[in-house]
Amino acid sequence: MKEKIGKLVRQLREDANLSQTALGSHLQMSQRKISYIENGQFEPSTEDIVAICRFFGVSADYLLGLSDKK
């Protein structure tokens, strides 16, 4: 699950032309935490998932890989 979320976060970030540092600033997370999430080394908390979904305007189902619909 961590890897799937990480790939989607990276894709969303790259589609928005944001660096890990810039995304971290928007989400009040460190660049390192964004990197760990994207590389599947850290499982984001519920609060992290909510913040990512709100920022990118996607559903939690999409981010968790339960739906292809953003």
PDB file of N, CA and C in Angstrom:
ATOM      1  N   MET A   1       0.835  -1.194   0.000  1.00  0.00           N
ATOM      2  CA  MET A   1       0.000   0.000   0.000  1.00  0.00           C
ATOM      3  C   MET A   1       0.877   1.255   0.000  1.00  0.00           C
ATOM      4  N   LYS A   2       1.963   1.247   0.802  1.00  0.00           N
ATOM      5  CA  LYS A   2       2.835   2.419   0.875  1.00  0.00           C
ATOM      6  C   LYS A   2       3.401   2.784  -0.491  1.00  0.00           C
ATOM      7  N   GLU A   3       3.779   1.746  -1.238  1.00  0.00           N
ATOM      8  CA  GLU A   3       4.389   1.990  -2.546  1.00  0.00           C
ATOM      9  C   GLU A   3       3.385   2.604  -3.518  1.00  0.00           C
ATOM     10  N   LYS A   4       2.143   2.124  -3.485  1.00  0.00           N
ATOM     11  CA  LYS A   4       1.097   2.636  -4.381  1.00  0.00           C
ATOM     12  C   LYS A   4       0.822   4.109  -4.075  1.00  0.00           C
ATOM     13  N   ILE A   5       0.667   4.428  -2.800  1.00  0.00           N
ATOM     14  CA  ILE A   5       0.433   5.818  -2.405  1.00  0.00           C
ATOM     15  C   ILE A   5       1.608   6.679  -2.843  1.00  0.00           C
ATOM     16  N   GLY A   6       2.816   6.203  -2.615  1.00  0.00           N
ATOM     17  CA  GLY A   6       4.009   6.955  -2.972  1.00  0.00           C
ATOM     18  C   GLY A   6       4.084   7.279  -4.453  1.00  0.00           C
ATOM     19  N   LYS A   7       3.770   6.291  -5.288  1.00  0.00           N
ATOM     20  CA  LYS A   7       3.802   6.516  -6.735  1.00  0.00           C
ATOM     21  C   LYS A   7       2.776   7.558  -7.149  1.00  0.00           C
ATOM     22  N   LEU A   8       1.591   7.490  -6.544  1.00  0.00           N
ATOM     23  CA  LEU A   8       0.547   8.462  -6.890  1.00  0.00           C
ATOM     24  C   LEU A   8       0.900   9.863  -6.402  1.00  0.00           C
ATOM     25  N   VAL A   9       1.480   9.966  -5.208  1.00  0.00           N
ATOM     26  CA  VAL A   9       1.893  11.278  -4.705  1.00  0.00           C
ATOM     27  C   VAL A   9       2.951  11.872  -5.631  1.00  0.00           C
ATOM     28  N   ARG A  10       3.909  11.062  -6.026  1.00  0.00           N
ATOM     29  CA  ARG A  10       4.956  11.549  -6.938  1.00  0.00           C
ATOM     30  C   ARG A  10       4.356  12.009  -8.260  1.00  0.00           C
ATOM     31  N   GLN A  11       3.435  11.215  -8.808  1.00  0.00           N
ATOM     32  CA  GLN A  11       2.802  11.574 -10.070  1.00  0.00           C
ATOM     33  C   GLN A  11       2.030  12.886  -9.940  1.00  0.00           C
ATOM     34  N   LEU A  12       1.259  13.032  -8.878  1.00  0.00           N
ATOM     35  CA  LEU A  12       0.502  14.270  -8.654  1.00  0.00           C
ATOM     36  C   LEU A  12       1.442  15.461  -8.512  1.00  0.00           C
ATOM     37  N   ARG A  13       2.520  15.269  -7.755  1.00  0.00           N
ATOM     38  CA  ARG A  13       3.484  16.352  -7.536  1.00  0.00           C
ATOM     39  C   ARG A  13       4.152  16.758  -8.844  1.00  0.00           C
ATOM     40  N   GLU A  14       4.578  15.778  -9.613  1.00  0.00           N
ATOM     41  CA  GLU A  14       5.244  16.078 -10.885  1.00  0.00           C
ATOM     42  C   GLU A  14       4.280  16.712 -11.881  1.00  0.00           C
ATOM     43  N   ASP A  15       3.043  16.254 -11.906  1.00  0.00           N
ATOM     44  CA  ASP A  15       2.037  16.848 -12.794  1.00  0.00           C
ATOM     45  C   ASP A  15       1.779  18.311 -12.442  1.00  0.00           C
ATOM     46  N   ALA A  16       1.948  18.640 -11.162  1.00  0.00           N
ATOM     47  CA  ALA A  16       1.756  20.023 -10.704  1.00  0.00           C
ATOM     48  C   ALA A  16       3.044  20.840 -10.794  1.00  0.00           C
ATOM     49  N   ASN A  17       4.112  20.237 -11.329  1.00  0.00           N
ATOM     50  CA  ASN A  17       5.418  20.905 -11.464  1.00  0.00           C
ATOM     51  C   ASN A  17       5.929  21.453 -10.141  1.00  0.00           C
ATOM     52  N   LEU A  18       5.824  20.630  -9.102  1.00  0.00           N
ATOM     53  CA  LEU A  18       6.304  21.015  -7.783  1.00  0.00           C
ATOM     54  C   LEU A  18       7.510  20.171  -7.390  1.00  0.00           C
ATOM     55  N   SER A  19       8.435  20.775  -6.693  1.00  0.00           N
ATOM     56  CA  SER A  19       9.536  20.016  -6.103  1.00  0.00           C
ATOM     57  C   SER A  19       9.033  19.387  -4.807  1.00  0.00           C
ATOM     58  N   GLN A  20       9.786  18.452  -4.282  1.00  0.00           N
ATOM     59  CA  GLN A  20       9.428  17.869  -2.990  1.00  0.00           C
ATOM     60  C   GLN A  20       9.434  18.944  -1.904  1.00  0.00           C
ATOM     61  N   THR A  21      10.371  19.849  -1.988  1.00  0.00           N
ATOM     62  CA  THR A  21      10.458  20.934  -1.009  1.00  0.00           C
ATOM     63  C   THR A  21       9.227  21.827  -1.071  1.00  0.00           C
ATOM     64  N   ALA A  22       8.806  22.183  -2.280  1.00  0.00           N
ATOM     65  CA  ALA A  22       7.636  23.051  -2.441  1.00  0.00           C
ATOM     66  C   ALA A  22       6.375  22.353  -1.932  1.00  0.00           C
ATOM     67  N   LEU A  23       6.209  21.079  -2.264  1.00  0.00           N
ATOM     68  CA  LEU A  23       5.042  20.347  -1.782  1.00  0.00           C
ATOM     69  C   LEU A  23       5.067  20.259  -0.260  1.00  0.00           C
ATOM     70  N   GLY A  24       6.227  19.974   0.282  1.00  0.00           N
ATOM     71  CA  GLY A  24       6.361  19.913   1.729  1.00  0.00           C
ATOM     72  C   GLY A  24       5.966  21.221   2.397  1.00  0.00           C
ATOM     73  N   SER A  25       6.345  22.326   1.799  1.00  0.00           N
ATOM     74  CA  SER A  25       5.975  23.638   2.349  1.00  0.00           C
ATOM     75  C   SER A  25       4.464  23.818   2.351  1.00  0.00           C
ATOM     76  N   HIS A  26       3.824  23.439   1.269  1.00  0.00           N
ATOM     77  CA  HIS A  26       2.365  23.562   1.175  1.00  0.00           C
ATOM     78  C   HIS A  26       1.660  22.677   2.198  1.00  0.00           C
ATOM     79  N   LEU A  27       2.234  21.510   2.464  1.00  0.00           N
ATOM     80  CA  LEU A  27       1.598  20.539   3.351  1.00  0.00           C
ATOM     81  C   LEU A  27       2.130  20.594   4.776  1.00  0.00           C
ATOM     82  N   GLN A  28       3.056  21.489   5.027  1.00  0.00           N
ATOM     83  CA  GLN A  28       3.718  21.616   6.326  1.00  0.00           C
ATOM     84  C   GLN A  28       4.407  20.303   6.718  1.00  0.00           C
ATOM     85  N   MET A  29       5.127  19.749   5.740  1.00  0.00           N
ATOM     86  CA  MET A  29       5.923  18.541   5.937  1.00  0.00           C
ATOM     87  C   MET A  29       7.330  18.841   5.444  1.00  0.00           C
ATOM     88  N   SER A  30       8.283  18.085   5.921  1.00  0.00           N
ATOM     89  CA  SER A  30       9.655  18.265   5.445  1.00  0.00           C
ATOM     90  C   SER A  30       9.823  17.620   4.070  1.00  0.00           C
ATOM     91  N   GLN A  31      10.838  18.060   3.346  1.00  0.00           N
ATOM     92  CA  GLN A  31      11.165  17.462   2.053  1.00  0.00           C
ATOM     93  C   GLN A  31      11.496  15.987   2.246  1.00  0.00           C
ATOM     94  N   ARG A  32      12.157  15.669   3.338  1.00  0.00           N
ATOM     95  CA  ARG A  32      12.546  14.283   3.620  1.00  0.00           C
ATOM     96  C   ARG A  32      11.304  13.395   3.786  1.00  0.00           C
ATOM     97  N   LYS A  33      10.289  13.903   4.479  1.00  0.00           N
ATOM     98  CA  LYS A  33       9.065  13.126   4.667  1.00  0.00           C
ATOM     99  C   LYS A  33       8.380  12.882   3.328  1.00  0.00           C
ATOM    100  N   ILE A  34       8.334  13.908   2.466  1.00  0.00           N
ATOM    101  CA  ILE A  34       7.752  13.728   1.131  1.00  0.00           C
ATOM    102  C   ILE A  34       8.534  12.660   0.372  1.00  0.00           C
ATOM    103  N   SER A  35       9.844  12.712   0.446  1.00  0.00           N
ATOM    104  CA  SER A  35      10.681  11.727  -0.226  1.00  0.00           C
ATOM    105  C   SER A  35      10.403  10.323   0.296  1.00  0.00           C
ATOM    106  N   TYR A  36      10.314  10.168   1.604  1.00  0.00           N
ATOM    107  CA  TYR A  36      10.037   8.860   2.199  1.00  0.00           C
ATOM    108  C   TYR A  36       8.669   8.330   1.769  1.00  0.00           C
ATOM    109  N   ILE A  37       7.674   9.212   1.712  1.00  0.00           N
ATOM    110  CA  ILE A  37       6.340   8.797   1.261  1.00  0.00           C
ATOM    111  C   ILE A  37       6.409   8.332  -0.189  1.00  0.00           C
ATOM    112  N   GLU A  38       7.043   9.140  -1.035  1.00  0.00           N
ATOM    113  CA  GLU A  38       7.114   8.801  -2.463  1.00  0.00           C
ATOM    114  C   GLU A  38       7.876   7.507  -2.726  1.00  0.00           C
ATOM    115  N   ASN A  39       8.862   7.210  -1.907  1.00  0.00           N
ATOM    116  CA  ASN A  39       9.679   6.015  -2.109  1.00  0.00           C
ATOM    117  C   ASN A  39       9.170   4.804  -1.338  1.00  0.00           C
ATOM    118  N   GLY A  40       8.011   4.940  -0.688  1.00  0.00           N
ATOM    119  CA  GLY A  40       7.422   3.824   0.023  1.00  0.00           C
ATOM    120  C   GLY A  40       8.138   3.459   1.307  1.00  0.00           C
ATOM    121  N   GLN A  41       8.948   4.374   1.838  1.00  0.00           N
ATOM    122  CA  GLN A  41       9.686   4.113   3.073  1.00  0.00           C
ATOM    123  C   GLN A  41       8.916   4.579   4.308  1.00  0.00           C
ATOM    124  N   PHE A  42       7.812   5.262   4.098  1.00  0.00           N
ATOM    125  CA  PHE A  42       7.029   5.811   5.205  1.00  0.00           C
ATOM    126  C   PHE A  42       5.569   5.747   4.821  1.00  0.00           C
ATOM    127  N   GLU A  43       4.756   5.202   5.713  1.00  0.00           N
ATOM    128  CA  GLU A  43       3.319   5.151   5.465  1.00  0.00           C
ATOM    129  C   GLU A  43       2.689   6.425   6.017  1.00  0.00           C
ATOM    130  N   PRO A  44       2.064   7.222   5.152  1.00  0.00           N
ATOM    131  CA  PRO A  44       1.483   8.477   5.618  1.00  0.00           C
ATOM    132  C   PRO A  44       0.339   8.235   6.595  1.00  0.00           C
ATOM    133  N   SER A  45       0.226   9.122   7.564  1.00  0.00           N
ATOM    134  CA  SER A  45      -0.864   9.046   8.535  1.00  0.00           C
ATOM    135  C   SER A  45      -2.170   9.458   7.863  1.00  0.00           C
ATOM    136  N   THR A  46      -3.260   9.242   8.568  1.00  0.00           N
ATOM    137  CA  THR A  46      -4.564   9.668   8.062  1.00  0.00           C
ATOM    138  C   THR A  46      -4.558  11.165   7.797  1.00  0.00           C
ATOM    139  N   GLU A  47      -3.952  11.928   8.698  1.00  0.00           N
ATOM    140  CA  GLU A  47      -3.885  13.379   8.532  1.00  0.00           C
ATOM    141  C   GLU A  47      -3.072  13.754   7.294  1.00  0.00           C
ATOM    142  N   ASP A  48      -1.989  13.022   7.050  1.00  0.00           N
ATOM    143  CA  ASP A  48      -1.168  13.267   5.860  1.00  0.00           C
ATOM    144  C   ASP A  48      -1.976  12.994   4.590  1.00  0.00           C
ATOM    145  N   ILE A  49      -2.714  11.895   4.584  1.00  0.00           N
ATOM    146  CA  ILE A  49      -3.520  11.536   3.413  1.00  0.00           C
ATOM    147  C   ILE A  49      -4.576  12.601   3.156  1.00  0.00           C
ATOM    148  N   VAL A  50      -5.231  13.059   4.206  1.00  0.00           N
ATOM    149  CA  VAL A  50      -6.246  14.104   4.058  1.00  0.00           C
ATOM    150  C   VAL A  50      -5.624  15.370   3.488  1.00  0.00           C
ATOM    151  N   ALA A  51      -4.468  15.763   4.013  1.00  0.00           N
ATOM    152  CA  ALA A  51      -3.797  16.978   3.536  1.00  0.00           C
ATOM    153  C   ALA A  51      -3.423  16.856   2.060  1.00  0.00           C
ATOM    154  N   ILE A  52      -2.884  15.705   1.667  1.00  0.00           N
ATOM    155  CA  ILE A  52      -2.493  15.486   0.270  1.00  0.00           C
ATOM    156  C   ILE A  52      -3.723  15.527  -0.636  1.00  0.00           C
ATOM    157  N   CYS A  53      -4.789  14.853  -0.218  1.00  0.00           N
ATOM    158  CA  CYS A  53      -6.023  14.832  -1.018  1.00  0.00           C
ATOM    159  C   CYS A  53      -6.606  16.229  -1.182  1.00  0.00           C
ATOM    160  N   ARG A  54      -6.652  16.980  -0.108  1.00  0.00           N
ATOM    161  CA  ARG A  54      -7.199  18.341  -0.189  1.00  0.00           C
ATOM    162  C   ARG A  54      -6.343  19.224  -1.084  1.00  0.00           C
ATOM    163  N   PHE A  55      -5.035  19.107  -0.950  1.00  0.00           N
ATOM    164  CA  PHE A  55      -4.151  19.960  -1.744  1.00  0.00           C
ATOM    165  C   PHE A  55      -4.304  19.687  -3.238  1.00  0.00           C
ATOM    166  N   PHE A  56      -4.340  18.420  -3.610  1.00  0.00           N
ATOM    167  CA  PHE A  56      -4.412  18.060  -5.027  1.00  0.00           C
ATOM    168  C   PHE A  56      -5.844  17.922  -5.549  1.00  0.00           C
ATOM    169  N   GLY A  57      -6.821  17.986  -4.659  1.00  0.00           N
ATOM    170  CA  GLY A  57      -8.217  17.872  -5.087  1.00  0.00           C
ATOM    171  C   GLY A  57      -8.584  16.485  -5.579  1.00  0.00           C
ATOM    172  N   VAL A  58      -8.033  15.468  -4.916  1.00  0.00           N
ATOM    173  CA  VAL A  58      -8.345  14.086  -5.284  1.00  0.00           C
ATOM    174  C   VAL A  58      -9.007  13.402  -4.094  1.00  0.00           C
ATOM    175  N   SER A  59      -9.661  12.287  -4.366  1.00  0.00           N
ATOM    176  CA  SER A  59     -10.310  11.542  -3.289  1.00  0.00           C
ATOM    177  C   SER A  59      -9.295  10.633  -2.598  1.00  0.00           C
ATOM    178  N   ALA A  60      -9.620  10.272  -1.366  1.00  0.00           N
ATOM    179  CA  ALA A  60      -8.783   9.316  -0.644  1.00  0.00           C
ATOM    180  C   ALA A  60      -8.816   7.958  -1.339  1.00  0.00           C
ATOM    181  N   ASP A  61      -9.966   7.612  -1.918  1.00  0.00           N
ATOM    182  CA  ASP A  61     -10.054   6.351  -2.665  1.00  0.00           C
ATOM    183  C   ASP A  61      -9.028   6.326  -3.802  1.00  0.00           C
ATOM    184  N   TYR A  62      -8.871   7.441  -4.490  1.00  0.00           N
ATOM    185  CA  TYR A  62      -7.891   7.518  -5.570  1.00  0.00           C
ATOM    186  C   TYR A  62      -6.485   7.347  -5.013  1.00  0.00           C
ATOM    187  N   LEU A  63      -6.179   8.087  -3.960  1.00  0.00           N
ATOM    188  CA  LEU A  63      -4.825   8.044  -3.396  1.00  0.00           C
ATOM    189  C   LEU A  63      -4.489   6.671  -2.833  1.00  0.00           C
ATOM    190  N   LEU A  64      -5.496   5.974  -2.328  1.00  0.00           N
ATOM    191  CA  LEU A  64      -5.270   4.640  -1.758  1.00  0.00           C
ATOM    192  C   LEU A  64      -5.325   3.548  -2.814  1.00  0.00           C
ATOM    193  N   GLY A  65      -5.583   3.932  -4.060  1.00  0.00           N
ATOM    194  CA  GLY A  65      -5.605   2.963  -5.143  1.00  0.00           C
ATOM    195  C   GLY A  65      -6.899   2.177  -5.236  1.00  0.00           C
ATOM    196  N   LEU A  66      -7.958   2.680  -4.606  1.00  0.00           N
ATOM    197  CA  LEU A  66      -9.247   1.988  -4.636  1.00  0.00           C
ATOM    198  C   LEU A  66     -10.125   2.433  -5.796  1.00  0.00           C
ATOM    199  N   SER A  67      -9.727   3.518  -6.440  1.00  0.00           N
ATOM    200  CA  SER A  67     -10.506   4.047  -7.560  1.00  0.00           C
ATOM    201  C   SER A  67      -9.544   4.706  -8.544  1.00  0.00           C
ATOM    202  N   ASP A  68      -9.888   4.648  -9.810  1.00  0.00           N
ATOM    203  CA  ASP A  68      -9.091   5.337 -10.830  1.00  0.00           C
ATOM    204  C   ASP A  68      -9.571   6.767 -11.027  1.00  0.00           C
ATOM    205  N   LYS A  69     -10.720   7.092 -10.436  1.00  0.00           N
ATOM    206  CA  LYS A  69     -11.310   8.408 -10.583  1.00  0.00           C
ATOM    207  C   LYS A  69     -10.746   9.353  -9.527  1.00  0.00           C
ATOM    208  N   LYS A  70     -10.140  10.442 -10.011  1.00  0.00           N
ATOM    209  CA  LYS A  70      -9.538  11.393  -9.080  1.00  0.00           C
ATOM    210  C   LYS A  70     -10.598  12.095  -8.263  1.00  0.00           C
TER     211      LYS A  70
END
